Amino acid sequence: MKFFSLSKLLGVVLVIALQWIFGLLLQAVLFAFPDQKRRAQIRVTHHLSQMALFFLGIRVHRSVEFPERARKKAGRLIVSNHLSYTDVLVLSAERPLVFVTSMDVKETPILGRTCAFGGSFFVERRNASRLREELRGLRDLLASGFDLAVFPEATSSDGMQVLEFKRALFQVLAGQDRLLLPASIAFVESEGRALNRRDQESFAYYGSKSFFSHLLQLVKRWGSVVRLSYLDPISCQAYSSADLATMTQGQISGSYLASFESPGPEEP
């Protein structure tokens, strides 16, 4: 078992190393072309996220597939509940995405630089005066055809409930002719047994937990299954940012809680 955990840990370290290698290479080659650089970064992250989930032994079960209606329109915003950095891997493994995250993450050793190399867009939640500029940057990305991903709880939690959504970043879509796609993520199985809400705490990366201690805890597990559920896309023209925050929080919270009432994923 120790060898198994060590091999998983080395696999994750390899993925992080590859992210840095490709990140430095793309930064050197495409530094004068920011959109092309970010597009290449998120595509690399898409493939590396698939590798990371494999090494971590995490299998993704889609209880609801990506809506056909949302496939036809680029420049979408995906919002989800947030337990851990594993949420980033789950969503990124599905499709290339620009993740909107905080300057707090950017300032975290190793993790922050890894996110930057992955094409993330950083926002300063501690400085409201920068919000207008940041919203302009996000709208420019959507107009360029990038799909964005946001965790509107603005922090990870212990998984007992979906926290209240912050409405600030919903302003990027409010009144716009764009699609908002809610999704819920939950760990529903690990080591051969079904999980409930209380079990989510052992997977959650929150509070005073360090990145490395959490990663070591994660690699010791086997047979983990994440349920990813896409909900109905929302056309945003008729809604304010407050409307969108309240609506999606209710939908995602309901879907998240329902994950523990549904039967487990079938074996392939």
Foldseek 3Di string as FASTA:
>chain_A
DVVLLVQLVVQLVVLLVVLVVLLVVLCVPCVVPLVVSLVVLLVSLLVSLVSNCVSLQEAEDEPADDDPVQVVAFLEEEEEAAFACNVVSVVSPVDRAAEEAEVVQLPAPSRNVSSVSNNHHYDHPVDPVCLVVSLVVSLVCSVVRHYYYYHQLNFHDQQLFRHQGDLSNLQSQALHQHKYKYKYKDWQDWPHDGDARNVSNLQGDHDPDDPVVSSSSSSVTHNIYMYMYIDDIDGRNVGHSVRVRVVRRVVRRVVSNVSNVDDDDDDD
